[in-house]
């Protein structure tokens, strides 16, 4: 095989790996939706750590993809397809599947942001409703209000 064919093979494997990683990210986003609906903060914290690892993996794969594209003299897979029609049958299906995954991830992420925002608004409302604010002072271990010290 020539160097270009080797690089195209590496790029194809990289794209398949990235697609798998994106599928994992989508699964995490869907789990996050369920957790946000329940309001399970400890589970959310754990899931956010998992999400962070997947995002780092995506970032690393994207950097490798960009480097391989650079070695091939193109800026993107789309540009590679347009300049090398023989790669179309390899990359077009992957490209379509990855775009669909990314679209679904974005939609799920937007839903999660709305759920999180709603929870925040409820917490603020309840805090105000019950007369609690940061300016009210502090409480001791017996839940008694400690008077503010005058400056």
Protein backbone atom coordinates (compact mmCIF):
# COMPACT_ATOMS: atom_id res chain seq x y z
CA UNK A 1 0.00 0.00 0.00
CA UNK A 2 1.07 3.53 -0.59
CA UNK A 3 1.41 6.09 2.13
CA UNK A 4 -1.81 7.82 1.02
CA UNK A 5 -3.80 4.58 1.13
CA UNK A 6 -2.36 3.83 4.58
CA UNK A 7 -3.39 7.29 5.78
CA UNK A 8 -6.88 6.86 4.31
CA UNK A 9 -7.16 3.51 6.11
CA UNK A 10 -6.02 5.12 9.36
CA UNK A 11 -8.53 7.94 8.84
CA UNK A 12 -11.33 5.43 8.24
CA UNK A 13 -10.46 3.53 11.42
CA UNK A 14 -10.29 6.81 13.30
CA UNK A 15 -13.71 7.85 12.02
CA UNK A 16 -15.20 4.49 13.06
CA UNK A 17 -13.66 4.93 16.51
CA UNK A 18 -14.98 8.48 16.77
CA UNK A 19 -18.45 7.29 15.77
CA UNK A 20 -18.33 4.73 18.56
CA UNK A 21 -17.22 7.40 21.03
CA UNK A 22 -20.06 9.68 19.92
CA UNK A 23 -22.50 6.81 20.46
CA UNK A 24 -21.16 6.54 24.00
CA UNK A 25 -21.60 10.27 24.49
CA UNK A 26 -25.20 10.04 23.30
CA UNK A 27 -25.86 7.24 25.80
CA UNK A 28 -24.41 9.39 28.59
CA UNK A 29 -26.55 12.36 27.54
CA UNK A 30 -29.67 10.19 27.66
CA UNK A 31 -28.68 8.91 31.11
CA UNK A 32 -28.20 12.52 32.16
CA UNK A 33 -31.76 13.30 31.04
CA UNK A 34 -33.14 10.55 33.28
CA UNK A 35 -30.99 11.69 36.20
CA UNK A 36 -32.02 15.33 35.78
CA UNK A 37 -35.67 14.29 35.71
CA UNK A 38 -35.17 12.45 39.01
CA UNK A 39 -33.01 15.17 40.55
CA UNK A 40 -30.34 12.69 41.66
CA UNK A 41 -27.35 14.99 42.25
CA UNK A 42 -24.82 12.30 43.35
CA UNK A 43 -25.59 10.24 40.24
CA UNK A 44 -25.30 13.37 38.09
CA UNK A 45 -21.89 14.15 39.56
CA UNK A 46 -20.65 10.65 38.77
CA UNK A 47 -22.08 10.81 35.26
CA UNK A 48 -20.44 14.19 34.60
CA UNK A 49 -17.06 12.61 35.33
CA UNK A 50 -17.81 9.89 32.79
CA UNK A 51 -18.96 12.50 30.28
CA UNK A 52 -15.77 14.49 30.78
CA UNK A 53 -13.66 11.41 29.95
CA UNK A 54 -15.67 10.80 26.77
CA UNK A 55 -15.35 14.45 25.72
CA UNK A 56 -11.58 14.25 26.19
CA UNK A 57 -11.54 11.10 24.05
CA UNK A 58 -13.54 12.93 21.35
CA UNK A 59 -11.14 15.85 21.46
CA UNK A 60 -8.14 13.56 21.11
CA UNK A 61 -9.72 11.69 18.19
CA UNK A 62 -10.58 14.99 16.51
CA UNK A 63 -6.98 16.17 16.85
CA UNK A 64 -5.74 12.90 15.30
CA UNK A 65 -8.32 13.22 12.49
CA UNK A 66 -7.16 16.74 11.79
CA UNK A 67 -3.51 15.63 11.73
CA UNK A 68 -4.20 12.77 9.31
CA UNK A 69 -6.23 15.09 7.07
CA UNK A 70 -3.30 17.52 7.14
CA UNK A 71 -0.94 14.73 6.08
CA UNK A 72 -3.29 14.02 3.19
CA UNK A 73 -3.22 17.70 2.20
CA UNK A 74 -6.86 18.43 3.07
CA UNK A 75 -8.62 20.26 5.89
CA UNK A 76 -11.59 17.93 6.28
CA UNK A 77 -13.02 14.56 5.33
CA UNK A 78 -15.51 16.36 3.05
CA UNK A 79 -12.62 17.95 1.20
CA UNK A 80 -10.90 14.55 0.93
CA UNK A 81 -14.05 13.06 -0.60
CA UNK A 82 -14.36 15.86 -3.14
CA UNK A 83 -10.68 15.61 -4.14
CA UNK A 84 -10.54 11.79 -4.09
CA UNK A 85 -13.86 10.37 -5.33
CA UNK A 86 -12.66 6.84 -4.54
CA UNK A 87 -12.96 7.63 -0.84
CA UNK A 88 -16.63 8.53 -1.15
CA UNK A 89 -17.91 5.00 -0.54
CA UNK A 90 -15.73 4.70 2.58
CA UNK A 91 -16.45 8.03 4.22
CA UNK A 92 -19.91 9.17 3.08
CA UNK A 93 -21.86 6.57 5.12
CA UNK A 94 -19.70 7.30 8.19
CA UNK A 95 -20.15 11.04 7.67
CA UNK A 96 -23.94 10.69 7.46
CA UNK A 97 -24.11 8.46 10.55
CA UNK A 98 -21.85 10.78 12.56
CA UNK A 99 -23.89 13.85 11.58
CA UNK A 100 -27.06 12.08 12.72
CA UNK A 101 -25.39 11.17 16.03
CA UNK A 102 -24.15 14.72 16.55
CA UNK A 103 -27.61 16.11 15.81
CA UNK A 104 -29.18 13.77 18.38
CA UNK A 105 -26.49 14.63 20.95
CA UNK A 106 -27.19 18.34 20.46
CA UNK A 107 -30.95 17.84 20.82
CA UNK A 108 -30.52 15.77 23.98
CA UNK A 109 -28.04 18.29 25.35
CA UNK A 110 -30.53 21.13 24.73
CA UNK A 111 -33.22 19.17 26.59
CA UNK A 112 -30.80 18.60 29.47
CA UNK A 113 -29.98 22.30 29.60
CA UNK A 114 -33.70 23.12 29.80
CA UNK A 115 -34.22 20.55 32.58
CA UNK A 116 -31.27 21.96 34.51
CA UNK A 117 -32.50 25.51 34.03
CA UNK A 118 -35.97 24.53 35.25
CA UNK A 119 -34.50 22.91 38.37
CA UNK A 120 -32.45 26.03 39.04
CA UNK A 121 -35.50 28.28 38.65
CA UNK A 122 -37.48 26.08 41.05
CA UNK A 123 -34.67 26.19 43.61
CA UNK A 124 -34.46 30.00 43.34
CA UNK A 125 -38.23 30.33 43.62
CA UNK A 126 -38.37 28.13 46.71
CA UNK A 127 -35.46 29.99 48.26
CA UNK A 128 -37.23 33.30 47.76
CA UNK A 129 -40.63 31.89 48.72
CA UNK A 130 -39.41 30.70 52.08
CA UNK A 131 -37.55 33.93 52.75
CA UNK A 132 -34.08 32.49 52.52
CA UNK A 133 -31.31 34.47 50.98
CA UNK A 134 -27.59 34.85 51.25
CA UNK A 135 -28.08 38.08 53.17
CA UNK A 136 -30.06 36.50 56.01
CA UNK A 137 -27.09 35.44 58.11
CA UNK A 138 -25.72 32.08 59.11
CA UNK A 139 -27.02 29.20 61.15
CA UNK A 140 -25.23 27.29 63.90
CA UNK A 141 -25.16 23.51 64.29
CA UNK A 142 -28.50 23.63 66.16
CA UNK A 143 -30.14 25.42 63.22
CA UNK A 144 -30.44 28.69 65.12
CA UNK A 145 -29.85 31.95 63.32
CA UNK A 146 -26.54 33.51 64.23
CA UNK A 147 -26.88 37.27 64.24
CA UNK A 148 -24.80 39.21 61.83
CA UNK A 149 -21.87 41.08 63.25
CA UNK A 150 -21.91 44.80 62.68
CA UNK A 151 -18.93 46.13 60.79
